[in-house]
């Protein structure tokens, strides 16, 4: 599994204040990334089927 994370931050103005938005993403090796994509696709398909049949 992912042991490291990459982060990206943006400062955005909102109602006279500046809010920092931080996006933290796990860093996977190539094989792990492909496996995670497959798992997510399967889960999304299950959800789609559940609501398509309703």
Foldseek 3Di string as FASTA:
>chain_A
DFDDKDKDWDWDDDPNDIDIDMDIGTDDDPVVVVVVVVVVVVVVVVVVVVVVVD
